[in-house]
């Protein structure tokens, strides 16, 4: 679906919106077993499919994408070119840190060592749905993050209100 936004100067801007039937939301506490496997909640597995892509996430978590969503993101990143140093760095961070993994018959994924270390995962983890992805957080790091964001929520809401998003 294409939408057009008209600026006050009369310029027409194209905005593309993806209409999704489903959305990944919610939080779940799980355990990282000694073999570095995490069980995905059934509602997440239903949306993600049989294979997923794990990659470095922002704020030191792990992003988990369905193959379809990952292909969309990788395509967008690839279209940015490599002339800009920041673009090259972010592509290396996200694409270079990616690993395709299968969801086993018990609904578990194997977290590669480099991603486990990157996210500082210990035994207790939080899986949280964030619209088009799942994030895997170390439980202690997640608690600190939520506390900090909670303290800033009013200010963040005010900023979003100023630009008309809420």
N, C-alpha and C. Protein backbone atom coordinates (compact mmCIF):
# COMPACT_ATOMS: atom_id res chain seq x y z
N UNK A 1 0.85 -1.16 0.00
CA UNK A 1 0.00 0.00 0.00
C UNK A 1 0.90 1.23 0.00
N UNK A 2 0.61 2.20 -0.85
CA UNK A 2 1.39 3.43 -0.90
C UNK A 2 0.58 4.57 -0.32
N UNK A 3 1.24 5.37 0.47
CA UNK A 3 0.65 6.56 1.04
C UNK A 3 1.53 7.73 0.63
N UNK A 4 0.92 8.87 0.43
CA UNK A 4 1.68 10.05 0.09
C UNK A 4 1.41 11.12 1.13
N UNK A 5 2.47 11.77 1.54
CA UNK A 5 2.37 12.83 2.53
C UNK A 5 2.74 14.12 1.82
N UNK A 6 1.92 15.13 1.95
CA UNK A 6 2.17 16.43 1.33
C UNK A 6 2.77 17.35 2.39
N UNK A 7 3.91 17.92 2.05
CA UNK A 7 4.52 18.88 2.97
C UNK A 7 3.88 20.24 2.75
N UNK A 8 4.18 21.17 3.66
CA UNK A 8 3.62 22.52 3.53
C UNK A 8 4.14 23.23 2.29
N UNK A 9 5.29 22.78 1.76
CA UNK A 9 5.84 23.41 0.56
C UNK A 9 5.24 22.81 -0.71
N UNK A 10 4.37 21.82 -0.56
CA UNK A 10 3.74 21.19 -1.71
C UNK A 10 4.48 19.97 -2.23
N UNK A 11 5.61 19.62 -1.58
CA UNK A 11 6.35 18.43 -2.01
C UNK A 11 5.60 17.18 -1.58
N UNK A 12 5.64 16.18 -2.43
CA UNK A 12 4.94 14.93 -2.15
C UNK A 12 5.98 13.90 -1.71
N UNK A 13 5.78 13.32 -0.53
CA UNK A 13 6.69 12.31 0.01
C UNK A 13 5.98 10.97 -0.01
N UNK A 14 6.70 9.93 -0.42
CA UNK A 14 6.14 8.59 -0.44
C UNK A 14 6.49 7.88 0.85
N UNK A 15 5.51 7.29 1.47
CA UNK A 15 5.73 6.49 2.68
C UNK A 15 5.15 5.11 2.42
N UNK A 16 5.93 4.08 2.65
CA UNK A 16 5.47 2.72 2.40
C UNK A 16 5.14 2.07 3.74
N UNK A 17 3.96 1.48 3.83
CA UNK A 17 3.53 0.83 5.05
C UNK A 17 3.27 -0.64 4.77
N UNK A 18 3.73 -1.49 5.64
CA UNK A 18 3.48 -2.91 5.51
C UNK A 18 2.32 -3.27 6.42
N UNK A 19 1.28 -3.80 5.85
CA UNK A 19 0.15 -4.22 6.66
C UNK A 19 0.37 -5.65 7.13
N UNK A 20 0.55 -5.82 8.40
CA UNK A 20 0.83 -7.14 8.96
C UNK A 20 -0.44 -7.69 9.60
N UNK A 21 -0.63 -8.99 9.44
CA UNK A 21 -1.73 -9.65 10.13
C UNK A 21 -1.36 -9.95 11.57
N UNK A 22 -0.08 -10.09 11.82
CA UNK A 22 0.38 -10.47 13.16
C UNK A 22 1.54 -9.57 13.58
N UNK A 23 1.80 -9.60 14.86
CA UNK A 23 2.88 -8.79 15.40
C UNK A 23 3.50 -9.56 16.56
N UNK A 24 4.81 -9.50 16.66
CA UNK A 24 5.51 -10.14 17.76
C UNK A 24 5.52 -9.20 18.95
N UNK A 25 4.84 -9.58 20.02
CA UNK A 25 4.77 -8.76 21.23
C UNK A 25 4.83 -9.65 22.46
N UNK A 26 5.12 -9.06 23.59
CA UNK A 26 5.11 -9.78 24.86
C UNK A 26 6.51 -10.10 25.36
N UNK A 27 6.58 -10.50 26.63
CA UNK A 27 7.85 -10.87 27.27
C UNK A 27 7.74 -12.27 27.87
N UNK A 28 8.85 -12.98 27.80
CA UNK A 28 8.88 -14.34 28.35
C UNK A 28 10.24 -14.58 28.99
N UNK A 29 10.22 -15.16 30.19
CA UNK A 29 11.46 -15.56 30.87
C UNK A 29 11.76 -17.00 30.49
N UNK A 30 13.01 -17.25 30.14
CA UNK A 30 13.45 -18.60 29.81
C UNK A 30 14.85 -18.83 30.34
N UNK A 31 15.31 -20.06 30.16
CA UNK A 31 16.64 -20.44 30.62
C UNK A 31 17.49 -20.82 29.42
N UNK A 32 18.72 -20.36 29.43
CA UNK A 32 19.72 -20.79 28.45
C UNK A 32 20.32 -22.07 29.02
N UNK A 33 20.10 -23.19 28.34
CA UNK A 33 20.57 -24.46 28.89
C UNK A 33 22.09 -24.60 28.70
N UNK A 34 22.71 -25.60 29.33
CA UNK A 34 24.17 -25.77 29.23
C UNK A 34 24.68 -25.94 27.80
N UNK A 35 23.80 -26.36 26.88
CA UNK A 35 24.21 -26.51 25.47
C UNK A 35 23.94 -25.24 24.66
N UNK A 36 23.62 -24.15 25.34
CA UNK A 36 23.37 -22.83 24.74
C UNK A 36 22.10 -22.81 23.88
N UNK A 37 21.07 -23.54 24.33
CA UNK A 37 19.79 -23.54 23.62
C UNK A 37 18.76 -22.78 24.44
N UNK A 38 17.88 -22.09 23.70
CA UNK A 38 16.77 -21.37 24.32
C UNK A 38 15.49 -21.84 23.66
N UNK A 39 14.48 -22.10 24.48
CA UNK A 39 13.17 -22.47 23.96
C UNK A 39 12.41 -21.21 23.59
N UNK A 40 11.92 -21.16 22.35
CA UNK A 40 11.10 -20.03 21.92
C UNK A 40 9.65 -20.28 22.29
N UNK A 41 8.96 -19.27 22.79
CA UNK A 41 7.54 -19.45 23.08
C UNK A 41 6.77 -19.84 21.81
N UNK A 42 5.74 -20.66 21.98
CA UNK A 42 4.97 -21.17 20.84
C UNK A 42 4.42 -20.05 19.96
N UNK A 43 3.94 -18.97 20.58
CA UNK A 43 3.37 -17.88 19.76
C UNK A 43 4.45 -17.21 18.91
N UNK A 44 5.69 -17.18 19.37
CA UNK A 44 6.78 -16.63 18.56
C UNK A 44 7.15 -17.61 17.45
N UNK A 45 7.22 -18.89 17.78
CA UNK A 45 7.57 -19.90 16.76
C UNK A 45 6.58 -19.88 15.61
N UNK A 46 5.31 -19.71 15.93
CA UNK A 46 4.27 -19.69 14.90
C UNK A 46 4.54 -18.58 13.89
N UNK A 47 4.98 -17.43 14.35
CA UNK A 47 5.23 -16.29 13.48
C UNK A 47 6.59 -16.36 12.78
N UNK A 48 7.58 -16.96 13.43
CA UNK A 48 8.93 -16.94 12.90
C UNK A 48 9.21 -18.03 11.87
N UNK A 49 8.53 -19.16 11.96
CA UNK A 49 8.80 -20.24 11.02
C UNK A 49 9.79 -21.26 11.57
N UNK A 50 10.33 -22.10 10.70
CA UNK A 50 11.21 -23.20 11.13
C UNK A 50 12.68 -22.81 11.19
N UNK A 51 13.05 -21.74 10.52
CA UNK A 51 14.41 -21.21 10.56
C UNK A 51 14.33 -19.74 10.89
N UNK A 52 15.34 -19.26 11.61
CA UNK A 52 15.41 -17.85 11.97
C UNK A 52 16.84 -17.35 11.76
N UNK A 53 16.98 -16.04 11.77
CA UNK A 53 18.30 -15.42 11.72
C UNK A 53 18.51 -14.70 13.04
N UNK A 54 19.62 -15.01 13.69
CA UNK A 54 20.05 -14.33 14.91
C UNK A 54 21.18 -13.40 14.52
N UNK A 55 21.19 -12.20 15.10
CA UNK A 55 22.28 -11.26 14.82
C UNK A 55 22.51 -10.34 16.01
N UNK A 56 23.63 -9.63 15.95
CA UNK A 56 23.91 -8.60 16.95
C UNK A 56 22.74 -7.64 16.98
N UNK A 57 22.25 -7.35 18.16
CA UNK A 57 21.19 -6.36 18.30
C UNK A 57 21.73 -5.08 18.91
N UNK A 58 20.92 -4.08 18.92
CA UNK A 58 21.30 -2.83 19.56
C UNK A 58 21.12 -2.98 21.07
N UNK A 59 21.83 -2.20 21.84
CA UNK A 59 21.77 -2.24 23.30
C UNK A 59 22.25 -3.58 23.87
N UNK A 60 23.06 -4.29 23.13
CA UNK A 60 23.65 -5.57 23.55
C UNK A 60 22.63 -6.66 23.82
N UNK A 61 21.68 -6.78 22.92
CA UNK A 61 20.79 -7.93 22.94
C UNK A 61 20.99 -8.67 21.61
N UNK A 62 20.27 -9.74 21.41
CA UNK A 62 20.31 -10.48 20.15
C UNK A 62 18.98 -10.27 19.45
N UNK A 63 19.02 -9.89 18.18
CA UNK A 63 17.82 -9.77 17.36
C UNK A 63 17.55 -11.13 16.71
N UNK A 64 16.28 -11.53 16.69
CA UNK A 64 15.85 -12.77 16.04
C UNK A 64 14.79 -12.40 15.00
N UNK A 65 15.07 -12.74 13.74
CA UNK A 65 14.16 -12.43 12.64
C UNK A 65 13.71 -13.70 11.93
N UNK A 66 12.50 -13.66 11.39
CA UNK A 66 12.09 -14.71 10.46
C UNK A 66 12.95 -14.56 9.21
N UNK A 67 13.05 -15.61 8.43
CA UNK A 67 13.84 -15.55 7.19
C UNK A 67 13.27 -14.47 6.27
N UNK A 68 11.96 -14.41 6.15
CA UNK A 68 11.33 -13.42 5.28
C UNK A 68 11.67 -12.00 5.72
N UNK A 69 11.54 -11.72 7.00
CA UNK A 69 11.83 -10.37 7.52
C UNK A 69 13.32 -10.05 7.36
N UNK A 70 14.16 -11.04 7.62
CA UNK A 70 15.60 -10.84 7.47
C UNK A 70 15.96 -10.48 6.03
N UNK A 71 15.37 -11.17 5.07
CA UNK A 71 15.65 -10.88 3.67
C UNK A 71 15.27 -9.44 3.32
N UNK A 72 14.17 -8.96 3.87
CA UNK A 72 13.75 -7.58 3.65
C UNK A 72 14.78 -6.61 4.22
N UNK A 73 15.23 -6.86 5.44
CA UNK A 73 16.20 -5.99 6.10
C UNK A 73 17.54 -6.02 5.37
N UNK A 74 18.01 -7.22 5.01
CA UNK A 74 19.28 -7.36 4.32
C UNK A 74 19.24 -6.64 2.97
N UNK A 75 18.12 -6.72 2.29
CA UNK A 75 17.97 -6.04 1.01
C UNK A 75 18.05 -4.52 1.18
N UNK A 76 17.39 -4.01 2.19
CA UNK A 76 17.43 -2.56 2.45
C UNK A 76 18.85 -2.12 2.79
N UNK A 77 19.54 -2.90 3.62
CA UNK A 77 20.91 -2.55 3.99
C UNK A 77 21.82 -2.61 2.76
N UNK A 78 21.62 -3.62 1.93
CA UNK A 78 22.43 -3.76 0.72
C UNK A 78 22.24 -2.61 -0.26
N UNK A 79 21.07 -2.02 -0.26
CA UNK A 79 20.79 -0.93 -1.19
C UNK A 79 21.44 0.39 -0.77
N UNK A 80 21.99 0.44 0.43
CA UNK A 80 22.60 1.67 0.91
C UNK A 80 23.98 1.94 0.31
N UNK A 81 24.57 0.93 -0.32
CA UNK A 81 25.90 1.10 -0.88
C UNK A 81 26.97 0.99 0.18
N UNK A 82 28.22 1.23 -0.24
CA UNK A 82 29.31 1.10 0.72
C UNK A 82 30.24 2.30 0.73
N UNK A 83 29.77 3.42 0.19
CA UNK A 83 30.59 4.62 0.14
C UNK A 83 30.71 5.34 1.47
N UNK A 84 29.75 5.20 2.34
CA UNK A 84 29.74 5.89 3.62
C UNK A 84 30.30 4.97 4.71
N UNK A 85 31.23 5.47 5.50
CA UNK A 85 31.86 4.65 6.55
C UNK A 85 30.86 4.14 7.58
N UNK A 86 29.88 4.97 7.95
CA UNK A 86 28.88 4.54 8.94
C UNK A 86 28.02 3.41 8.40
N UNK A 87 27.67 3.50 7.12
CA UNK A 87 26.88 2.45 6.49
C UNK A 87 27.66 1.14 6.46
N UNK A 88 28.93 1.22 6.08
CA UNK A 88 29.78 0.02 6.06
C UNK A 88 29.87 -0.60 7.45
N UNK A 89 30.06 0.24 8.44
CA UNK A 89 30.19 -0.26 9.82
C UNK A 89 28.91 -0.94 10.29
N UNK A 90 27.77 -0.30 10.04
CA UNK A 90 26.51 -0.90 10.49
C UNK A 90 26.22 -2.19 9.74
N UNK A 91 26.50 -2.23 8.43
CA UNK A 91 26.32 -3.47 7.67
C UNK A 91 27.19 -4.58 8.24
N UNK A 92 28.43 -4.27 8.57
CA UNK A 92 29.31 -5.28 9.16
C UNK A 92 28.78 -5.76 10.50
N UNK A 93 28.29 -4.81 11.29
CA UNK A 93 27.75 -5.14 12.61
C UNK A 93 26.56 -6.08 12.49
N UNK A 94 25.58 -5.71 11.66
CA UNK A 94 24.34 -6.48 11.57
C UNK A 94 24.49 -7.72 10.69
N UNK A 95 24.99 -7.53 9.48
CA UNK A 95 25.10 -8.66 8.55
C UNK A 95 26.24 -9.61 8.93
N UNK A 96 27.36 -9.05 9.34
CA UNK A 96 28.50 -9.88 9.72
C UNK A 96 28.25 -10.66 11.00
N UNK A 97 27.34 -10.18 11.83
CA UNK A 97 27.03 -10.87 13.08
C UNK A 97 25.85 -11.81 12.97
N UNK A 98 25.39 -12.05 11.75
CA UNK A 98 24.18 -12.86 11.56
C UNK A 98 24.50 -14.35 11.42
N UNK A 99 23.57 -15.15 11.90
CA UNK A 99 23.67 -16.61 11.81
C UNK A 99 22.27 -17.18 11.61
N UNK A 100 22.11 -18.00 10.58
CA UNK A 100 20.84 -18.67 10.34
C UNK A 100 20.81 -19.95 11.18
N UNK A 101 19.74 -20.14 11.95
CA UNK A 101 19.62 -21.32 12.79
C UNK A 101 18.22 -21.94 12.62
N UNK A 102 18.17 -23.23 12.83
CA UNK A 102 16.89 -23.95 12.76
C UNK A 102 16.27 -24.04 14.15
N UNK A 103 14.96 -24.03 14.17
CA UNK A 103 14.24 -24.28 15.41
C UNK A 103 14.03 -25.79 15.47
N UNK A 104 14.53 -26.42 16.54
CA UNK A 104 14.45 -27.88 16.62
C UNK A 104 13.04 -28.35 16.96
N UNK A 105 12.84 -29.65 17.00
CA UNK A 105 11.51 -30.23 17.22
C UNK A 105 10.94 -29.88 18.59
N UNK A 106 11.80 -29.48 19.53
CA UNK A 106 11.35 -29.07 20.87
C UNK A 106 11.13 -27.56 20.95
N UNK A 107 11.30 -26.85 19.81
CA UNK A 107 11.08 -25.40 19.80
C UNK A 107 12.26 -24.58 20.29
N UNK A 108 13.45 -25.18 20.26
CA UNK A 108 14.64 -24.49 20.77
C UNK A 108 15.53 -24.01 19.62
N UNK A 109 16.28 -22.94 19.92
CA UNK A 109 17.32 -22.47 19.00
C UNK A 109 18.66 -22.54 19.71
N UNK A 110 19.70 -22.77 18.95
CA UNK A 110 21.06 -22.80 19.47
C UNK A 110 21.68 -21.42 19.28
N UNK A 111 22.14 -20.82 20.36
CA UNK A 111 22.75 -19.50 20.30
C UNK A 111 24.25 -19.67 20.09
N UNK A 112 24.78 -19.16 18.97
CA UNK A 112 26.23 -19.27 18.73
C UNK A 112 27.03 -18.57 19.83
N UNK A 113 28.23 -19.09 20.09
CA UNK A 113 29.08 -18.54 21.15
C UNK A 113 29.30 -17.04 21.01
N UNK A 114 29.59 -16.57 19.79
CA UNK A 114 29.91 -15.15 19.61
C UNK A 114 28.72 -14.25 19.95
N UNK A 115 27.50 -14.72 19.69
CA UNK A 115 26.31 -13.93 20.05
C UNK A 115 26.02 -14.01 21.54
N UNK A 116 26.24 -15.18 22.13
CA UNK A 116 26.07 -15.33 23.58
C UNK A 116 27.00 -14.37 24.31
N UNK A 117 28.23 -14.30 23.86
CA UNK A 117 29.20 -13.40 24.48
C UNK A 117 28.84 -11.94 24.23
N UNK A 118 28.44 -11.61 22.99
CA UNK A 118 28.07 -10.24 22.65
C UNK A 118 26.96 -9.73 23.57
N UNK A 119 25.94 -10.55 23.79
CA UNK A 119 24.78 -10.14 24.60
C UNK A 119 25.00 -10.38 26.09
N UNK A 120 26.13 -11.00 26.46
CA UNK A 120 26.41 -11.26 27.88
C UNK A 120 25.40 -12.20 28.51
N UNK A 121 24.89 -13.15 27.72
CA UNK A 121 23.84 -14.05 28.23
C UNK A 121 24.38 -14.96 29.31
N UNK A 122 23.65 -15.00 30.42
CA UNK A 122 23.91 -15.95 31.48
C UNK A 122 22.79 -17.00 31.40
N UNK A 123 22.46 -17.63 32.50
CA UNK A 123 21.45 -18.69 32.48
C UNK A 123 20.04 -18.16 32.26
N UNK A 124 19.67 -17.08 32.90
CA UNK A 124 18.31 -16.53 32.80
C UNK A 124 18.26 -15.47 31.70
N UNK A 125 17.30 -15.64 30.80
CA UNK A 125 17.15 -14.70 29.69
C UNK A 125 15.70 -14.25 29.56
N UNK A 126 15.54 -13.12 28.89
CA UNK A 126 14.22 -12.57 28.56
C UNK A 126 14.09 -12.56 27.05
N UNK A 127 12.98 -13.05 26.55
CA UNK A 127 12.65 -12.94 25.13
C UNK A 127 11.49 -11.96 25.04
N UNK A 128 11.66 -10.93 24.25
CA UNK A 128 10.62 -9.92 24.12
C UNK A 128 10.32 -9.68 22.64
N UNK A 129 9.04 -9.63 22.33
CA UNK A 129 8.61 -9.35 20.96
C UNK A 129 8.59 -7.86 20.71
N UNK A 130 9.21 -7.45 19.60
CA UNK A 130 9.28 -6.03 19.25
C UNK A 130 8.84 -5.90 17.79
N UNK A 131 7.56 -6.03 17.56
CA UNK A 131 6.88 -5.91 16.27
C UNK A 131 7.36 -6.93 15.24
N UNK A 132 8.49 -6.71 14.58
CA UNK A 132 8.92 -7.60 13.51
C UNK A 132 10.07 -8.51 13.92
N UNK A 133 10.45 -8.48 15.19
CA UNK A 133 11.57 -9.30 15.65
C UNK A 133 11.35 -9.69 17.11
N UNK A 134 12.14 -10.67 17.53
CA UNK A 134 12.23 -11.05 18.93
C UNK A 134 13.61 -10.60 19.39
N UNK A 135 13.71 -10.12 20.61
CA UNK A 135 15.00 -9.78 21.18
C UNK A 135 15.28 -10.73 22.34
N UNK A 136 16.53 -11.17 22.43
CA UNK A 136 16.97 -12.02 23.54
C UNK A 136 17.92 -11.20 24.39
N UNK A 137 17.57 -11.08 25.66
CA UNK A 137 18.33 -10.27 26.61
C UNK A 137 18.78 -11.13 27.79
N UNK A 138 19.94 -10.83 28.34
CA UNK A 138 20.30 -11.36 29.64
C UNK A 138 19.32 -10.74 30.64
N UNK A 139 18.80 -11.54 31.56
CA UNK A 139 17.76 -11.06 32.47
C UNK A 139 18.21 -9.85 33.30
N UNK A 140 19.42 -9.85 33.81
CA UNK A 140 19.90 -8.73 34.62
C UNK A 140 20.03 -7.46 33.77
N UNK A 141 20.57 -7.62 32.56
CA UNK A 141 20.72 -6.46 31.67
C UNK A 141 19.35 -5.91 31.30
N UNK A 142 18.37 -6.80 31.04
CA UNK A 142 17.01 -6.38 30.70
C UNK A 142 16.39 -5.58 31.85
N UNK A 143 16.55 -6.06 33.07
CA UNK A 143 15.98 -5.37 34.24
C UNK A 143 16.53 -3.96 34.36
N UNK A 144 17.83 -3.81 34.16
CA UNK A 144 18.45 -2.49 34.22
C UNK A 144 17.93 -1.61 33.09
N UNK A 145 17.83 -2.16 31.90
CA UNK A 145 17.34 -1.40 30.75
C UNK A 145 15.91 -0.91 30.98
N UNK A 146 15.02 -1.80 31.42
CA UNK A 146 13.62 -1.44 31.66
C UNK A 146 13.52 -0.37 32.74
N UNK A 147 14.30 -0.49 33.78
CA UNK A 147 14.29 0.51 34.86
C UNK A 147 14.69 1.87 34.30
N UNK A 148 15.76 1.92 33.51
CA UNK A 148 16.23 3.20 32.95
C UNK A 148 15.21 3.80 31.98
N UNK A 149 14.63 2.99 31.12
CA UNK A 149 13.63 3.51 30.17
C UNK A 149 12.39 3.96 30.92
N UNK A 150 11.99 3.23 31.94
CA UNK A 150 10.83 3.61 32.74
C UNK A 150 11.00 4.98 33.37
N UNK A 151 12.22 5.29 33.80
CA UNK A 151 12.49 6.59 34.41
C UNK A 151 12.44 7.72 33.38
N UNK A 152 12.64 7.39 32.11
CA UNK A 152 12.64 8.39 31.04
C UNK A 152 11.36 8.38 30.21
N UNK A 153 10.40 7.53 30.54
CA UNK A 153 9.22 7.34 29.70
C UNK A 153 8.43 8.62 29.48
N UNK A 154 8.25 9.43 30.51
CA UNK A 154 7.49 10.67 30.35
C UNK A 154 8.18 11.61 29.37
N UNK A 155 9.48 11.75 29.50
CA UNK A 155 10.24 12.63 28.60
C UNK A 155 10.21 12.10 27.17
N UNK A 156 10.33 10.78 27.01
CA UNK A 156 10.26 10.18 25.67
C UNK A 156 8.89 10.40 25.05
N UNK A 157 7.84 10.22 25.83
CA UNK A 157 6.49 10.44 25.33
C UNK A 157 6.28 11.88 24.90
N UNK A 158 6.83 12.80 25.66
CA UNK A 158 6.71 14.21 25.32
C UNK A 158 7.38 14.51 23.98
N UNK A 159 8.59 13.96 23.77
CA UNK A 159 9.29 14.17 22.50
C UNK A 159 8.52 13.58 21.33
N UNK A 160 7.96 12.39 21.51
CA UNK A 160 7.17 11.77 20.45
C UNK A 160 5.90 12.57 20.19
N UNK A 161 5.32 13.14 21.24
CA UNK A 161 4.14 13.98 21.07
C UNK A 161 4.44 15.25 20.29
N UNK A 162 5.62 15.81 20.50
CA UNK A 162 6.02 17.03 19.79
C UNK A 162 6.08 16.83 18.28
N UNK A 163 6.41 15.61 17.85
CA UNK A 163 6.50 15.35 16.41
C UNK A 163 5.24 14.64 15.89
N UNK A 164 4.23 14.56 16.76
CA UNK A 164 2.93 14.04 16.33
C UNK A 164 2.82 12.52 16.24
N UNK A 165 3.73 11.80 16.90
CA UNK A 165 3.65 10.34 16.84
C UNK A 165 2.74 9.75 17.90
N UNK A 166 2.51 10.46 18.99
CA UNK A 166 1.54 9.98 19.99
C UNK A 166 0.71 11.14 20.48
